[in-house]
PDB file of all heavy atoms in Angstrom:
ATOM      1  N   ALA A   1      -9.436   2.709  20.446  1.00  0.00           N
ATOM      2  CA  ALA A   1      -9.916   3.674  19.465  1.00  0.00           C
ATOM      3  C   ALA A   1      -8.838   4.716  19.198  1.00  0.00           C
ATOM      4  O   ALA A   1      -8.139   5.161  20.107  1.00  0.00           O
ATOM      5  CB  ALA A   1     -11.188   4.347  19.973  1.00  0.00           C
ATOM      6  N   ALA A   2      -8.712   5.116  17.950  1.00  0.00           N
ATOM      7  CA  ALA A   2      -7.719   6.110  17.550  1.00  0.00           C
ATOM      8  C   ALA A   2      -8.116   7.489  18.061  1.00  0.00           C
ATOM      9  O   ALA A   2      -9.290   7.855  18.061  1.00  0.00           O
ATOM     10  CB  ALA A   2      -7.590   6.138  16.031  1.00  0.00           C
ATOM     11  N   ALA A   3      -7.112   8.253  18.500  1.00  0.00           N
ATOM     12  CA  ALA A   3      -7.327   9.613  18.984  1.00  0.00           C
ATOM     13  C   ALA A   3      -6.193  10.501  18.486  1.00  0.00           C
ATOM     14  O   ALA A   3      -5.150  10.003  18.038  1.00  0.00           O
ATOM     15  CB  ALA A   3      -7.378   9.622  20.509  1.00  0.00           C
ATOM     16  N   LYS A   4      -6.385  11.815  18.575  1.00  0.00           N
ATOM     17  CA  LYS A   4      -5.340  12.762  18.174  1.00  0.00           C
ATOM     18  C   LYS A   4      -4.035  12.414  18.874  1.00  0.00           C
ATOM     19  O   LYS A   4      -4.015  12.092  20.046  1.00  0.00           O
ATOM     20  CB  LYS A   4      -5.749  14.183  18.549  1.00  0.00           C
ATOM     21  CG  LYS A   4      -6.503  14.881  17.467  1.00  0.00           C
ATOM     22  CD  LYS A   4      -6.514  16.375  17.691  1.00  0.00           C
ATOM     23  CE  LYS A   4      -7.077  17.043  16.476  1.00  0.00           C
ATOM     24  NZ  LYS A   4      -8.426  17.469  16.553  1.00  0.00           N
ATOM     25  N   GLY A   5      -2.954  12.469  18.122  1.00  0.00           N
ATOM     26  CA  GLY A   5      -1.636  12.161  18.651  1.00  0.00           C
ATOM     27  C   GLY A   5      -1.228  10.715  18.442  1.00  0.00           C
ATOM     28  O   GLY A   5      -0.049  10.389  18.506  1.00  0.00           O
ATOM     29  N   ASP A   6      -2.205   9.833  18.171  1.00  0.00           N
ATOM     30  CA  ASP A   6      -1.895   8.423  17.927  1.00  0.00           C
ATOM     31  C   ASP A   6      -1.313   8.252  16.530  1.00  0.00           C
ATOM     32  O   ASP A   6      -1.680   8.962  15.591  1.00  0.00           O
ATOM     33  CB  ASP A   6      -3.152   7.550  18.038  1.00  0.00           C
ATOM     34  CG  ASP A   6      -3.696   7.459  19.440  1.00  0.00           C
ATOM     35  OD1 ASP A   6      -2.985   7.831  20.394  1.00  0.00           O
ATOM     36  OD2 ASP A   6      -4.850   7.008  19.587  1.00  0.00           O
ATOM     37  N   LYS A   7      -0.418   7.285  16.399  1.00  0.00           N
ATOM     38  CA  LYS A   7       0.115   6.907  15.097  1.00  0.00           C
ATOM     39  C   LYS A   7      -0.793   5.806  14.558  1.00  0.00           C
ATOM     40  O   LYS A   7      -1.002   4.793  15.233  1.00  0.00           O
ATOM     41  CB  LYS A   7       1.555   6.416  15.228  1.00  0.00           C
ATOM     42  CG  LYS A   7       2.231   6.189  13.886  1.00  0.00           C
ATOM     43  CD  LYS A   7       3.701   5.925  14.067  1.00  0.00           C
ATOM     44  CE  LYS A   7       4.370   7.255  14.291  1.00  0.00           C
ATOM     45  NZ  LYS A   7       5.806   7.238  14.084  1.00  0.00           N
ATOM     46  N   VAL A   8      -1.375   6.028  13.382  1.00  0.00           N
ATOM     47  CA  VAL A   8      -2.283   5.051  12.795  1.00  0.00           C
ATOM     48  C   VAL A   8      -1.760   4.606  11.439  1.00  0.00           C
ATOM     49  O   VAL A   8      -1.085   5.360  10.747  1.00  0.00           O
ATOM     50  CB  VAL A   8      -3.721   5.609  12.651  1.00  0.00           C
ATOM     51  CG1 VAL A   8      -4.306   5.965  14.008  1.00  0.00           C
ATOM     52  CG2 VAL A   8      -3.777   6.802  11.722  1.00  0.00           C
ATOM     53  N   THR A   9      -2.080   3.383  11.105  1.00  0.00           N
ATOM     54  CA  THR A   9      -1.780   2.857   9.782  1.00  0.00           C
ATOM     55  C   THR A   9      -3.120   2.632   9.105  1.00  0.00           C
ATOM     56  O   THR A   9      -4.026   2.021   9.683  1.00  0.00           O
ATOM     57  CB  THR A   9      -0.979   1.546   9.882  1.00  0.00           C
ATOM     58  OG1 THR A   9       0.225   1.822  10.617  1.00  0.00           O
ATOM     59  CG2 THR A   9      -0.619   1.016   8.513  1.00  0.00           C
ATOM     60  N   VAL A  10      -3.244   3.148   7.888  1.00  0.00           N
ATOM     61  CA  VAL A  10      -4.534   3.131   7.197  1.00  0.00           C
ATOM     62  C   VAL A  10      -4.351   2.713   5.735  1.00  0.00           C
ATOM     63  O   VAL A  10      -3.341   3.017   5.114  1.00  0.00           O
ATOM     64  CB  VAL A  10      -5.225   4.517   7.302  1.00  0.00           C
ATOM     65  CG1 VAL A  10      -4.407   5.602   6.638  1.00  0.00           C
ATOM     66  CG2 VAL A  10      -6.630   4.492   6.769  1.00  0.00           C
ATOM     67  N   GLU A  11      -5.329   1.970   5.254  1.00  0.00           N
ATOM     68  CA  GLU A  11      -5.435   1.679   3.826  1.00  0.00           C
ATOM     69  C   GLU A  11      -6.610   2.484   3.311  1.00  0.00           C
ATOM     70  O   GLU A  11      -7.614   2.641   4.021  1.00  0.00           O
ATOM     71  CB  GLU A  11      -5.688   0.187   3.585  1.00  0.00           C
ATOM     72  CG  GLU A  11      -4.523  -0.692   3.964  1.00  0.00           C
ATOM     73  CD  GLU A  11      -4.817  -2.180   3.767  1.00  0.00           C
ATOM     74  OE1 GLU A  11      -5.995  -2.559   3.666  1.00  0.00           O
ATOM     75  OE2 GLU A  11      -3.854  -2.944   3.723  1.00  0.00           O
ATOM     76  N   TYR A  12      -6.490   3.017   2.092  1.00  0.00           N
ATOM     77  CA  TYR A  12      -7.604   3.782   1.549  1.00  0.00           C
ATOM     78  C   TYR A  12      -7.604   3.758   0.028  1.00  0.00           C
ATOM     79  O   TYR A  12      -6.593   3.492  -0.611  1.00  0.00           O
ATOM     80  CB  TYR A  12      -7.588   5.229   2.053  1.00  0.00           C
ATOM     81  CG  TYR A  12      -6.361   6.022   1.682  1.00  0.00           C
ATOM     82  CD1 TYR A  12      -6.286   6.705   0.471  1.00  0.00           C
ATOM     83  CD2 TYR A  12      -5.279   6.100   2.547  1.00  0.00           C
ATOM     84  CE1 TYR A  12      -5.157   7.436   0.145  1.00  0.00           C
ATOM     85  CE2 TYR A  12      -4.156   6.836   2.220  1.00  0.00           C
ATOM     86  CZ  TYR A  12      -4.105   7.500   1.015  1.00  0.00           C
ATOM     87  OH  TYR A  12      -2.991   8.228   0.680  1.00  0.00           O
ATOM     88  N   THR A  13      -8.788   4.020  -0.511  1.00  0.00           N
ATOM     89  CA  THR A  13      -8.982   4.218  -1.940  1.00  0.00           C
ATOM     90  C   THR A  13      -9.689   5.549  -2.102  1.00  0.00           C
ATOM     91  O   THR A  13     -10.623   5.854  -1.355  1.00  0.00           O
ATOM     92  CB  THR A  13      -9.838   3.093  -2.553  1.00  0.00           C
ATOM     93  OG1 THR A  13      -9.188   1.845  -2.316  1.00  0.00           O
ATOM     94  CG2 THR A  13     -10.024   3.283  -4.047  1.00  0.00           C
ATOM     95  N   VAL A  14      -9.247   6.355  -3.068  1.00  0.00           N
ATOM     96  CA  VAL A  14      -9.857   7.653  -3.340  1.00  0.00           C
ATOM     97  C   VAL A  14     -10.489   7.607  -4.730  1.00  0.00           C
ATOM     98  O   VAL A  14      -9.832   7.249  -5.701  1.00  0.00           O
ATOM     99  CB  VAL A  14      -8.824   8.799  -3.305  1.00  0.00           C
ATOM    100  CG1 VAL A  14      -9.510  10.147  -3.469  1.00  0.00           C
ATOM    101  CG2 VAL A  14      -7.995   8.753  -2.047  1.00  0.00           C
ATOM    102  N   ARG A  15     -11.773   7.994  -4.778  1.00  0.00           N
ATOM    103  CA  ARG A  15     -12.500   8.068  -6.045  1.00  0.00           C
ATOM    104  C   ARG A  15     -13.042   9.479  -6.224  1.00  0.00           C
ATOM    105  O   ARG A  15     -13.266  10.181  -5.248  1.00  0.00           O
ATOM    106  CB  ARG A  15     -13.677   7.089  -6.056  1.00  0.00           C
ATOM    107  CG  ARG A  15     -13.271   5.633  -5.940  1.00  0.00           C
ATOM    108  CD  ARG A  15     -14.523   4.724  -5.929  1.00  0.00           C
ATOM    109  NE  ARG A  15     -14.211   3.374  -5.572  1.00  0.00           N
ATOM    110  CZ  ARG A  15     -13.650   2.470  -6.359  1.00  0.00           C
ATOM    111  NH1 ARG A  15     -13.356   2.784  -7.591  1.00  0.00           N
ATOM    112  NH2 ARG A  15     -13.389   1.256  -5.930  1.00  0.00           N
ATOM    113  N   ILE A  16     -13.275   9.845  -7.486  1.00  0.00           N
ATOM    114  CA  ILE A  16     -13.965  11.096  -7.767  1.00  0.00           C
ATOM    115  C   ILE A  16     -15.415  10.763  -8.108  1.00  0.00           C
ATOM    116  O   ILE A  16     -15.813   9.595  -8.089  1.00  0.00           O
ATOM    117  CB  ILE A  16     -13.262  11.908  -8.880  1.00  0.00           C
ATOM    118  CG1 ILE A  16     -13.115  11.086 -10.161  1.00  0.00           C
ATOM    119  CG2 ILE A  16     -11.916  12.410  -8.386  1.00  0.00           C
ATOM    120  CD1 ILE A  16     -12.523  11.875 -11.329  1.00  0.00           C
ATOM    121  N   GLY A  17     -16.216  11.778  -8.401  1.00  0.00           N
ATOM    122  CA  GLY A  17     -17.653  11.618  -8.583  1.00  0.00           C
ATOM    123  C   GLY A  17     -18.080  10.589  -9.602  1.00  0.00           C
ATOM    124  O   GLY A  17     -19.119   9.951  -9.444  1.00  0.00           O
ATOM    125  N   ASN A  18     -17.307  10.390 -10.659  1.00  0.00           N
ATOM    126  CA  ASN A  18     -17.681   9.411 -11.678  1.00  0.00           C
ATOM    127  C   ASN A  18     -17.252   7.986 -11.307  1.00  0.00           C
ATOM    128  O   ASN A  18     -17.421   7.065 -12.091  1.00  0.00           O
ATOM    129  CB  ASN A  18     -17.116   9.803 -13.047  1.00  0.00           C
ATOM    130  CG  ASN A  18     -15.599   9.774 -13.114  1.00  0.00           C
ATOM    131  OD1 ASN A  18     -14.922   9.330 -12.182  1.00  0.00           O
ATOM    132  ND2 ASN A  18     -15.050  10.249 -14.218  1.00  0.00           N
ATOM    133  N   GLY A  19     -16.683   7.818 -10.099  1.00  0.00           N
ATOM    134  CA  GLY A  19     -16.276   6.494  -9.631  1.00  0.00           C
ATOM    135  C   GLY A  19     -14.846   6.117  -9.974  1.00  0.00           C
ATOM    136  O   GLY A  19     -14.348   5.092  -9.513  1.00  0.00           O
ATOM    137  N   ARG A  20     -14.164   6.934 -10.760  1.00  0.00           N
ATOM    138  CA  ARG A  20     -12.790   6.616 -11.160  1.00  0.00           C
ATOM    139  C   ARG A  20     -11.859   6.717  -9.956  1.00  0.00           C
ATOM    140  O   ARG A  20     -11.895   7.669  -9.193  1.00  0.00           O
ATOM    141  CB  ARG A  20     -12.324   7.580 -12.258  1.00  0.00           C
ATOM    142  CG  ARG A  20     -10.913   7.298 -12.760  1.00  0.00           C
ATOM    143  CD  ARG A  20     -10.581   8.110 -14.005  1.00  0.00           C
ATOM    144  NE  ARG A  20     -10.627   9.536 -13.787  1.00  0.00           N
ATOM    145  CZ  ARG A  20      -9.558  10.296 -13.518  1.00  0.00           C
ATOM    146  NH1 ARG A  20      -8.354   9.755 -13.435  1.00  0.00           N
ATOM    147  NH2 ARG A  20      -9.684  11.595 -13.349  1.00  0.00           N
ATOM    148  N   VAL A  21     -11.014   5.701  -9.783  1.00  0.00           N
ATOM    149  CA  VAL A  21     -10.016   5.693  -8.710  1.00  0.00           C
ATOM    150  C   VAL A  21      -8.891   6.643  -9.095  1.00  0.00           C
ATOM    151  O   VAL A  21      -8.318   6.538 -10.187  1.00  0.00           O
ATOM    152  CB  VAL A  21      -9.473   4.270  -8.462  1.00  0.00           C
ATOM    153  CG1 VAL A  21      -8.325   4.294  -7.456  1.00  0.00           C
ATOM    154  CG2 VAL A  21     -10.578   3.349  -7.986  1.00  0.00           C
ATOM    155  N   VAL A  22      -8.577   7.582  -8.179  1.00  0.00           N
ATOM    156  CA  VAL A  22      -7.533   8.574  -8.453  1.00  0.00           C
ATOM    157  C   VAL A  22      -6.398   8.520  -7.432  1.00  0.00           C
ATOM    158  O   VAL A  22      -5.464   9.316  -7.491  1.00  0.00           O
ATOM    159  CB  VAL A  22      -8.116  10.004  -8.523  1.00  0.00           C
ATOM    160  CG1 VAL A  22      -9.050  10.142  -9.712  1.00  0.00           C
ATOM    161  CG2 VAL A  22      -8.806  10.376  -7.223  1.00  0.00           C
ATOM    162  N   GLY A  23      -6.471   7.593  -6.502  1.00  0.00           N
ATOM    163  CA  GLY A  23      -5.410   7.481  -5.521  1.00  0.00           C
ATOM    164  C   GLY A  23      -5.713   6.407  -4.512  1.00  0.00           C
ATOM    165  O   GLY A  23      -6.792   5.807  -4.517  1.00  0.00           O
ATOM    166  N   GLY A  24      -4.735   6.157  -3.667  1.00  0.00           N
ATOM    167  CA  GLY A  24      -4.927   5.160  -2.625  1.00  0.00           C
ATOM    168  C   GLY A  24      -3.635   4.467  -2.278  1.00  0.00           C
ATOM    169  O   GLY A  24      -2.554   4.837  -2.749  1.00  0.00           O
ATOM    170  N   THR A  25      -3.769   3.453  -1.447  1.00  0.00           N
ATOM    171  CA  THR A  25      -2.600   2.751  -0.928  1.00  0.00           C
ATOM    172  C   THR A  25      -2.398   1.380  -1.558  1.00  0.00           C
ATOM    173  O   THR A  25      -1.496   0.657  -1.147  1.00  0.00           O
ATOM    174  CB  THR A  25      -2.743   2.587   0.597  1.00  0.00           C
ATOM    175  OG1 THR A  25      -3.969   1.893   0.873  1.00  0.00           O
ATOM    176  CG2 THR A  25      -2.733   3.930   1.307  1.00  0.00           C
ATOM    177  N   GLU A  26      -3.203   1.040  -2.540  1.00  0.00           N
ATOM    178  CA  GLU A  26      -3.123  -0.302  -3.125  1.00  0.00           C
ATOM    179  C   GLU A  26      -1.727  -0.633  -3.652  1.00  0.00           C
ATOM    180  O   GLU A  26      -1.195  -1.708  -3.410  1.00  0.00           O
ATOM    181  CB  GLU A  26      -4.147  -0.458  -4.250  1.00  0.00           C
ATOM    182  CG  GLU A  26      -4.166  -1.862  -4.817  1.00  0.00           C
ATOM    183  CD  GLU A  26      -5.254  -2.026  -5.853  1.00  0.00           C
ATOM    184  OE1 GLU A  26      -6.427  -2.145  -5.460  1.00  0.00           O
ATOM    185  OE2 GLU A  26      -4.914  -2.037  -7.051  1.00  0.00           O
ATOM    186  N   ARG A  27      -1.096   0.307  -4.331  1.00  0.00           N
ATOM    187  CA  ARG A  27       0.201   0.043  -4.956  1.00  0.00           C
ATOM    188  C   ARG A  27       1.345   0.041  -3.942  1.00  0.00           C
ATOM    189  O   ARG A  27       2.211  -0.831  -3.960  1.00  0.00           O
ATOM    190  CB  ARG A  27       0.473   1.064  -6.049  1.00  0.00           C
ATOM    191  CG  ARG A  27       1.721   0.746  -6.869  1.00  0.00           C
ATOM    192  CD  ARG A  27       2.023   1.794  -7.855  1.00  0.00           C
ATOM    193  NE  ARG A  27       2.464   2.967  -7.093  1.00  0.00           N
ATOM    194  CZ  ARG A  27       2.808   4.109  -7.604  1.00  0.00           C
ATOM    195  NH1 ARG A  27       2.740   4.292  -8.877  1.00  0.00           N
ATOM    196  NH2 ARG A  27       3.215   5.105  -6.838  1.00  0.00           N
ATOM    197  N   ASP A  28       1.380   1.034  -3.048  1.00  0.00           N
ATOM    198  CA  ASP A  28       2.523   1.198  -2.153  1.00  0.00           C
ATOM    199  C   ASP A  28       2.289   0.679  -0.746  1.00  0.00           C
ATOM    200  O   ASP A  28       3.175   0.770   0.101  1.00  0.00           O
ATOM    201  CB  ASP A  28       2.922   2.680  -2.081  1.00  0.00           C
ATOM    202  CG  ASP A  28       3.436   3.191  -3.422  1.00  0.00           C
ATOM    203  OD1 ASP A  28       4.046   2.399  -4.170  1.00  0.00           O
ATOM    204  OD2 ASP A  28       3.217   4.376  -3.715  1.00  0.00           O
ATOM    205  N   GLY A  29       1.105   0.174  -0.476  1.00  0.00           N
ATOM    206  CA  GLY A  29       0.822  -0.370   0.845  1.00  0.00           C
ATOM    207  C   GLY A  29       0.260   0.677   1.789  1.00  0.00           C
ATOM    208  O   GLY A  29       0.169   1.860   1.464  1.00  0.00           O
ATOM    209  N   PRO A  30      -0.109   0.247   2.981  1.00  0.00           N
ATOM    210  CA  PRO A  30      -0.740   1.144   3.952  1.00  0.00           C
ATOM    211  C   PRO A  30       0.133   2.357   4.273  1.00  0.00           C
ATOM    212  O   PRO A  30       1.359   2.296   4.204  1.00  0.00           O
ATOM    213  CB  PRO A  30      -0.912   0.259   5.191  1.00  0.00           C
ATOM    214  CG  PRO A  30      -0.875  -1.133   4.682  1.00  0.00           C
ATOM    215  CD  PRO A  30       0.037  -1.116   3.491  1.00  0.00           C
ATOM    216  N   GLN A  31      -0.526   3.458   4.618  1.00  0.00           N
ATOM    217  CA  GLN A  31       0.155   4.691   4.987  1.00  0.00           C
ATOM    218  C   GLN A  31       0.064   4.860   6.498  1.00  0.00           C
ATOM    219  O   GLN A  31      -0.969   4.620   7.101  1.00  0.00           O
ATOM    220  CB  GLN A  31      -0.515   5.878   4.304  1.00  0.00           C
ATOM    221  CG  GLN A  31       0.102   7.207   4.656  1.00  0.00           C
ATOM    222  CD  GLN A  31      -0.578   8.386   3.961  1.00  0.00           C
ATOM    223  OE1 GLN A  31      -1.413   8.222   3.100  1.00  0.00           O
ATOM    224  NE2 GLN A  31      -0.199   9.576   4.362  1.00  0.00           N
ATOM    225  N   THR A  32       1.168   5.275   7.096  1.00  0.00           N
ATOM    226  CA  THR A  32       1.194   5.538   8.538  1.00  0.00           C
ATOM    227  C   THR A  32       1.285   7.037   8.749  1.00  0.00           C
ATOM    228  O   THR A  32       2.071   7.714   8.098  1.00  0.00           O
ATOM    229  CB  THR A  32       2.389   4.823   9.197  1.00  0.00           C
ATOM    230  OG1 THR A  32       2.249   3.410   8.977  1.00  0.00           O
ATOM    231  CG2 THR A  32       2.432   5.101  10.686  1.00  0.00           C
ATOM    232  N   LEU A  33       0.466   7.553   9.651  1.00  0.00           N
ATOM    233  CA  LEU A  33       0.456   8.976   9.948  1.00  0.00           C
ATOM    234  C   LEU A  33       0.084   9.193  11.400  1.00  0.00           C
ATOM    235  O   LEU A  33      -0.447   8.294  12.056  1.00  0.00           O
ATOM    236  CB  LEU A  33      -0.505   9.721   9.027  1.00  0.00           C
ATOM    237  CG  LEU A  33      -1.951   9.252   9.012  1.00  0.00           C
ATOM    238  CD1 LEU A  33      -2.847  10.250   9.692  1.00  0.00           C
ATOM    239  CD2 LEU A  33      -2.389   9.077   7.570  1.00  0.00           C
ATOM    240  N   THR A  34       0.378  10.364  11.907  1.00  0.00           N
ATOM    241  CA  THR A  34       0.008  10.735  13.266  1.00  0.00           C
ATOM    242  C   THR A  34      -1.204  11.648  13.189  1.00  0.00           C
ATOM    243  O   THR A  34      -1.158  12.694  12.529  1.00  0.00           O
ATOM    244  CB  THR A  34       1.176  11.447  13.979  1.00  0.00           C
ATOM    245  OG1 THR A  34       2.301  10.551  13.996  1.00  0.00           O
ATOM    246  CG2 THR A  34       0.805  11.811  15.412  1.00  0.00           C
ATOM    247  N   LEU A  35      -2.293  11.240  13.837  1.00  0.00           N
ATOM    248  CA  LEU A  35      -3.517  12.025  13.800  1.00  0.00           C
ATOM    249  C   LEU A  35      -3.284  13.384  14.439  1.00  0.00           C
ATOM    250  O   LEU A  35      -2.701  13.486  15.510  1.00  0.00           O
ATOM    251  CB  LEU A  35      -4.652  11.291  14.512  1.00  0.00           C
ATOM    252  CG  LEU A  35      -5.142  10.010  13.832  1.00  0.00           C
ATOM    253  CD1 LEU A  35      -6.255   9.370  14.651  1.00  0.00           C
ATOM    254  CD2 LEU A  35      -5.619  10.292  12.410  1.00  0.00           C
ATOM    255  N   GLY A  36      -3.727  14.422  13.737  1.00  0.00           N
ATOM    256  CA  GLY A  36      -3.577  15.784  14.234  1.00  0.00           C
ATOM    257  C   GLY A  36      -2.393  16.519  13.648  1.00  0.00           C
ATOM    258  O   GLY A  36      -2.253  17.719  13.873  1.00  0.00           O
ATOM    259  N   GLU A  37      -1.546  15.835  12.892  1.00  0.00           N
ATOM    260  CA  GLU A  37      -0.371  16.493  12.304  1.00  0.00           C
ATOM    261  C   GLU A  37      -0.600  16.962  10.877  1.00  0.00           C
ATOM    262  O   GLU A  37       0.303  17.501  10.256  1.00  0.00           O
ATOM    263  CB  GLU A  37       0.851  15.575  12.359  1.00  0.00           C
ATOM    264  CG  GLU A  37       1.403  15.405  13.753  1.00  0.00           C
ATOM    265  CD  GLU A  37       2.732  14.662  13.778  1.00  0.00           C
ATOM    266  OE1 GLU A  37       3.140  14.073  12.754  1.00  0.00           O
ATOM    267  OE2 GLU A  37       3.357  14.656  14.852  1.00  0.00           O
ATOM    268  N   GLY A  38      -1.785  16.728  10.329  1.00  0.00           N
ATOM    269  CA  GLY A  38      -2.085  17.205   8.985  1.00  0.00           C
ATOM    270  C   GLY A  38      -1.470  16.390   7.876  1.00  0.00           C
ATOM    271  O   GLY A  38      -1.241  16.921   6.787  1.00  0.00           O
ATOM    272  N   GLY A  39      -1.221  15.115   8.111  1.00  0.00           N
ATOM    273  CA  GLY A  39      -0.631  14.254   7.084  1.00  0.00           C
ATOM    274  C   GLY A  39      -1.611  13.853   5.994  1.00  0.00           C
ATOM    275  O   GLY A  39      -1.221  13.293   4.983  1.00  0.00           O
ATOM    276  N   ILE A  40      -2.893  14.158   6.185  1.00  0.00           N
ATOM    277  CA  ILE A  40      -3.942  13.839   5.226  1.00  0.00           C
ATOM    278  C   ILE A  40      -5.051  14.868   5.459  1.00  0.00           C
ATOM    279  O   ILE A  40      -5.002  15.634   6.412  1.00  0.00           O
ATOM    280  CB  ILE A  40      -4.402  12.367   5.408  1.00  0.00           C
ATOM    281  CG1 ILE A  40      -5.127  11.845   4.175  1.00  0.00           C
ATOM    282  CG2 ILE A  40      -5.204  12.189   6.679  1.00  0.00           C
ATOM    283  CD1 ILE A  40      -5.248  10.322   4.136  1.00  0.00           C
ATOM    284  N   PHE A  41      -6.023  14.932   4.601  1.00  0.00           N
ATOM    285  CA  PHE A  41      -7.093  15.928   4.739  1.00  0.00           C
ATOM    286  C   PHE A  41      -7.752  15.847   6.113  1.00  0.00           C
ATOM    287  O   PHE A  41      -7.946  14.768   6.664  1.00  0.00           O
ATOM    288  CB  PHE A  41      -8.157  15.723   3.654  1.00  0.00           C
ATOM    289  CG  PHE A  41      -7.638  15.930   2.257  1.00  0.00           C
ATOM    290  CD1 PHE A  41      -7.471  14.856   1.406  1.00  0.00           C
ATOM    291  CD2 PHE A  41      -7.320  17.199   1.804  1.00  0.00           C
ATOM    292  CE1 PHE A  41      -6.990  15.037   0.119  1.00  0.00           C
ATOM    293  CE2 PHE A  41      -6.832  17.394   0.526  1.00  0.00           C
ATOM    294  CZ  PHE A  41      -6.670  16.315  -0.324  1.00  0.00           C
ATOM    295  N   ASP A  42      -8.122  17.019   6.657  1.00  0.00           N
ATOM    296  CA  ASP A  42      -8.737  17.100   7.987  1.00  0.00           C
ATOM    297  C   ASP A  42      -9.953  16.191   8.122  1.00  0.00           C
ATOM    298  O   ASP A  42     -10.121  15.524   9.137  1.00  0.00           O
ATOM    299  CB  ASP A  42      -9.163  18.540   8.308  1.00  0.00           C
ATOM    300  CG  ASP A  42      -7.989  19.449   8.620  1.00  0.00           C
ATOM    301  OD1 ASP A  42      -6.880  18.940   8.879  1.00  0.00           O
ATOM    302  OD2 ASP A  42      -8.194  20.676   8.611  1.00  0.00           O
ATOM    303  N   ALA A  43     -10.819  16.172   7.109  1.00  0.00           N
ATOM    304  CA  ALA A  43     -12.040  15.353   7.182  1.00  0.00           C
ATOM    305  C   ALA A  43     -11.706  13.874   7.325  1.00  0.00           C
ATOM    306  O   ALA A  43     -12.410  13.132   8.015  1.00  0.00           O
ATOM    307  CB  ALA A  43     -12.918  15.583   5.951  1.00  0.00           C
TER     308      ALA A  43
END
């Protein structure tokens, strides 16, 4: 299980309320980040 300090690779799609896709990793591939470093929104 992923925990703070771990390096994770994630795929994601971001939509707004009307369902329109406004971002994600589909084009550039998965994103790698270290949990707890603020590389993406806290939630």
